[in-house]
Amino acid sequence: MFFRRRNEKGRFKPVWLFILLSFTFYIPVAVGAGIVPLLGMLMLPKTVCYILLIRVFLLAMLKDVNKTKQ
């Protein structure tokens, strides 16, 4: 849904990229961390992607709340 709407202007424009990057960092960990434990370090950028997602949604929610108060 977010990928299909990536060209639209709006708050959720970067969400598809954060989701894609999150899975990109997680797949090597899920597949190869048992063999190469150092791959577990890829969970750090995955976590950063999740934090950025939360930030986008919180900012959107705050803007909506501020619009309803006015």
C-alpha atoms as a PDB file:
ATOM      1  CA  MET A   1       0.000   0.000   0.000  1.00  0.00           C
ATOM      2  CA  PHE A   2       2.745   2.474   0.927  1.00  0.00           C
ATOM      3  CA  PHE A   3       4.863   1.448  -2.077  1.00  0.00           C
ATOM      4  CA  ARG A   4       2.001   2.078  -4.492  1.00  0.00           C
ATOM      5  CA  ARG A   5       1.472   5.545  -3.031  1.00  0.00           C
ATOM      6  CA  ARG A   6       5.171   6.455  -2.807  1.00  0.00           C
ATOM      7  CA  ASN A   7       4.884   9.247  -5.410  1.00  0.00           C
ATOM      8  CA  GLU A   8       2.079  11.041  -3.620  1.00  0.00           C
ATOM      9  CA  LYS A   9       2.957  13.999  -1.483  1.00  0.00           C
ATOM     10  CA  GLY A  10       2.314  13.463   2.164  1.00  0.00           C
ATOM     11  CA  ARG A  11       3.623  12.410   5.498  1.00  0.00           C
ATOM     12  CA  PHE A  12       3.864   8.718   4.677  1.00  0.00           C
ATOM     13  CA  LYS A  13       6.061   9.049   1.598  1.00  0.00           C
ATOM     14  CA  PRO A  14       9.227   7.497   3.173  1.00  0.00           C
ATOM     15  CA  VAL A  15       7.378   4.664   4.924  1.00  0.00           C
ATOM     16  CA  TRP A  16       7.788   2.167   2.068  1.00  0.00           C
ATOM     17  CA  LEU A  17      11.555   2.706   2.139  1.00  0.00           C
ATOM     18  CA  PHE A  18      11.772   2.150   5.898  1.00  0.00           C
ATOM     19  CA  ILE A  19       9.800  -1.090   5.572  1.00  0.00           C
ATOM     20  CA  LEU A  20      11.962  -2.298   2.686  1.00  0.00           C
ATOM     21  CA  LEU A  21      15.196  -1.496   4.531  1.00  0.00           C
ATOM     22  CA  SER A  22      13.927  -3.177   7.674  1.00  0.00           C
ATOM     23  CA  PHE A  23      13.305  -6.448   5.843  1.00  0.00           C
ATOM     24  CA  THR A  24      16.578  -6.093   3.924  1.00  0.00           C
ATOM     25  CA  PHE A  25      18.529  -5.919   7.178  1.00  0.00           C
ATOM     26  CA  TYR A  26      16.522  -8.678   8.861  1.00  0.00           C
ATOM     27  CA  ILE A  27      16.669 -11.405   6.184  1.00  0.00           C
ATOM     28  CA  PRO A  28      20.450 -12.028   6.452  1.00  0.00           C
ATOM     29  CA  VAL A  29      20.106 -12.252  10.229  1.00  0.00           C
ATOM     30  CA  ALA A  30      17.271 -14.755  10.024  1.00  0.00           C
ATOM     31  CA  VAL A  31      19.073 -16.876   7.451  1.00  0.00           C
ATOM     32  CA  GLY A  32      22.690 -16.764   8.547  1.00  0.00           C
ATOM     33  CA  ALA A  33      23.040 -15.654  12.160  1.00  0.00           C
ATOM     34  CA  GLY A  34      23.371 -19.261  13.287  1.00  0.00           C
ATOM     35  CA  ILE A  35      26.402 -19.672  11.048  1.00  0.00           C
ATOM     36  CA  VAL A  36      27.914 -16.174  11.308  1.00  0.00           C
ATOM     37  CA  PRO A  37      26.869 -14.594  14.627  1.00  0.00           C
ATOM     38  CA  LEU A  38      28.308 -11.237  13.568  1.00  0.00           C
ATOM     39  CA  LEU A  39      25.328 -10.871  11.207  1.00  0.00           C
ATOM     40  CA  GLY A  40      23.259 -10.144  14.312  1.00  0.00           C
ATOM     41  CA  MET A  41      24.656  -6.617  14.181  1.00  0.00           C
ATOM     42  CA  LEU A  42      22.302  -5.954  11.261  1.00  0.00           C
ATOM     43  CA  MET A  43      19.502  -5.792  13.809  1.00  0.00           C
ATOM     44  CA  LEU A  44      20.751  -2.309  14.778  1.00  0.00           C
ATOM     45  CA  PRO A  45      19.922  -0.575  11.471  1.00  0.00           C
ATOM     46  CA  LYS A  46      16.664  -2.566  11.367  1.00  0.00           C
ATOM     47  CA  THR A  47      15.779  -1.072  14.737  1.00  0.00           C
ATOM     48  CA  VAL A  48      16.628   2.410  13.464  1.00  0.00           C
ATOM     49  CA  CYS A  49      14.179   1.852  10.595  1.00  0.00           C
ATOM     50  CA  TYR A  50      11.476   0.910  13.102  1.00  0.00           C
ATOM     51  CA  ILE A  51      12.197   4.040  15.133  1.00  0.00           C
ATOM     52  CA  LEU A  52      11.914   6.169  11.998  1.00  0.00           C
ATOM     53  CA  LEU A  53       8.582   4.496  11.188  1.00  0.00           C
ATOM     54  CA  ILE A  54       7.273   5.269  14.658  1.00  0.00           C
ATOM     55  CA  ARG A  55       8.447   8.869  14.275  1.00  0.00           C
ATOM     56  CA  VAL A  56       6.580   9.287  10.979  1.00  0.00           C
ATOM     57  CA  PHE A  57       3.356   7.877  12.434  1.00  0.00           C
ATOM     58  CA  LEU A  58       3.615   9.890  15.651  1.00  0.00           C
ATOM     59  CA  LEU A  59       4.208  13.130  13.768  1.00  0.00           C
ATOM     60  CA  ALA A  60       1.212  12.369  11.555  1.00  0.00           C
ATOM     61  CA  MET A  61      -0.922  11.654  14.592  1.00  0.00           C
ATOM     62  CA  LEU A  62       0.178  14.854  16.325  1.00  0.00           C
ATOM     63  CA  LYS A  63      -0.608  16.928  13.237  1.00  0.00           C
ATOM     64  CA  ASP A  64      -4.053  15.356  13.041  1.00  0.00           C
ATOM     65  CA  VAL A  65      -4.687  16.032  16.731  1.00  0.00           C
ATOM     66  CA  ASN A  66      -3.620  19.648  16.332  1.00  0.00           C
ATOM     67  CA  LYS A  67      -5.984  20.072  13.369  1.00  0.00           C
ATOM     68  CA  THR A  68      -8.931  18.757  15.358  1.00  0.00           C
ATOM     69  CA  LYS A  69      -8.211  21.103  18.291  1.00  0.00           C
ATOM     70  CA  GLN A  70      -8.395  24.183  16.069  1.00  0.00           C
END
